Protein backbone atom coordinates (compact mmCIF):
# COMPACT_ATOMS: atom_id res chain seq x y z
CA MET A 1 21.98 10.51 -6.12
CA PRO A 2 18.37 9.29 -6.40
CA HIS A 3 17.35 7.12 -9.30
CA LEU A 4 14.69 8.95 -11.31
CA ARG A 5 11.99 6.88 -12.97
CA PRO A 6 9.04 7.95 -15.11
CA PRO A 7 5.69 7.91 -13.32
CA SER A 8 3.54 4.82 -13.46
CA ILE A 9 0.64 5.29 -15.87
CA ASP A 10 -2.51 3.19 -15.55
CA ARG A 11 -3.36 0.90 -18.48
CA GLY A 12 -6.69 2.64 -18.98
CA VAL A 13 -5.03 6.04 -19.33
CA SER A 14 -2.43 4.82 -21.78
CA SER A 15 -5.14 2.98 -23.75
CA PHE A 16 -7.18 6.17 -23.91
CA LEU A 17 -4.19 8.23 -25.09
CA TRP A 18 -3.32 5.71 -27.83
CA ALA A 19 -6.95 5.60 -28.96
CA VAL A 20 -7.25 9.41 -29.04
CA GLY A 21 -4.03 9.72 -31.02
CA PHE A 22 -4.88 7.11 -33.61
CA GLY A 23 -8.54 8.17 -33.78
CA LEU A 24 -7.48 11.75 -34.48
CA PHE A 25 -4.98 10.54 -37.08
CA ILE A 26 -7.68 8.48 -38.81
CA TRP A 27 -10.17 11.37 -38.71
CA LEU A 28 -7.63 13.82 -40.19
CA GLY A 29 -6.66 11.30 -42.86
CA LEU A 30 -10.27 10.72 -43.88
CA VAL A 31 -11.00 14.45 -44.05
CA ALA A 32 -7.79 15.00 -46.05
CA ILE A 33 -8.81 12.52 -48.75
CA GLY A 34 -12.26 14.06 -49.12
CA ILE A 35 -14.54 11.77 -47.09
CA SER A 36 -17.58 13.63 -45.72
CA GLN A 37 -17.29 15.08 -42.23
CA ALA A 38 -20.12 12.94 -40.81
CA LEU A 39 -18.68 9.66 -42.11
CA SER A 40 -15.20 10.67 -40.96
CA VAL A 41 -16.44 11.29 -37.41
CA ILE A 42 -18.32 7.97 -37.31
CA LEU A 43 -15.36 5.96 -38.60
CA ALA A 44 -12.94 7.76 -36.26
CA ALA A 45 -15.24 7.09 -33.27
CA LEU A 46 -15.49 3.41 -34.18
CA SER A 47 -11.71 3.27 -34.61
CA PHE A 48 -11.28 4.95 -31.22
CA ALA A 49 -13.44 2.31 -29.53
CA VAL A 50 -11.68 -0.62 -31.20
CA ILE A 51 -8.19 0.77 -30.54
CA PHE A 52 -9.06 1.54 -26.91
CA LEU A 53 -10.32 -1.99 -26.29
CA PHE A 54 -7.43 -3.62 -28.14
CA VAL A 55 -4.75 -1.70 -26.25
CA ARG A 56 -6.62 -2.11 -22.95
CA ILE A 57 -6.86 -5.89 -23.35
CA PHE A 58 -3.60 -6.78 -25.12
CA GLY A 59 -1.34 -3.78 -24.45
CA ASP A 60 0.30 -4.95 -21.24
CA GLU A 61 1.39 -8.44 -22.20
CA GLU A 62 5.07 -9.19 -22.07
CA LEU A 63 6.40 -11.19 -24.98
CA ARG A 64 7.66 -14.64 -24.02
CA GLN A 65 10.46 -16.50 -25.69
CA PRO A 66 9.27 -19.63 -27.48
CA THR A 67 10.11 -22.74 -25.51
CA ARG A 68 11.58 -25.81 -27.11
CA SER A 69 9.93 -29.16 -26.72
CA ARG A 70 11.85 -32.09 -25.23
CA GLY A 71 12.06 -33.79 -28.61
CA ASP A 72 14.04 -30.91 -30.16
CA SER A 73 17.67 -31.85 -30.69
CA ARG A 74 19.01 -28.33 -31.24
């Protein structure tokens, strides 16, 4: 029986999807609390750009376990 794996998704695509999702969430939240449509769109677009860059740059790092120094006696 073949081992099925999910398809490999490029970092740029996953960054874009995260940014669209959070940008839309921010836009809907701002509209829901009564912020003007123009300001909501501007803030959501800025959020989209920041989220896209953040996920694109830092989203693929694997977390490393902290290493102990030689002087540690644990």
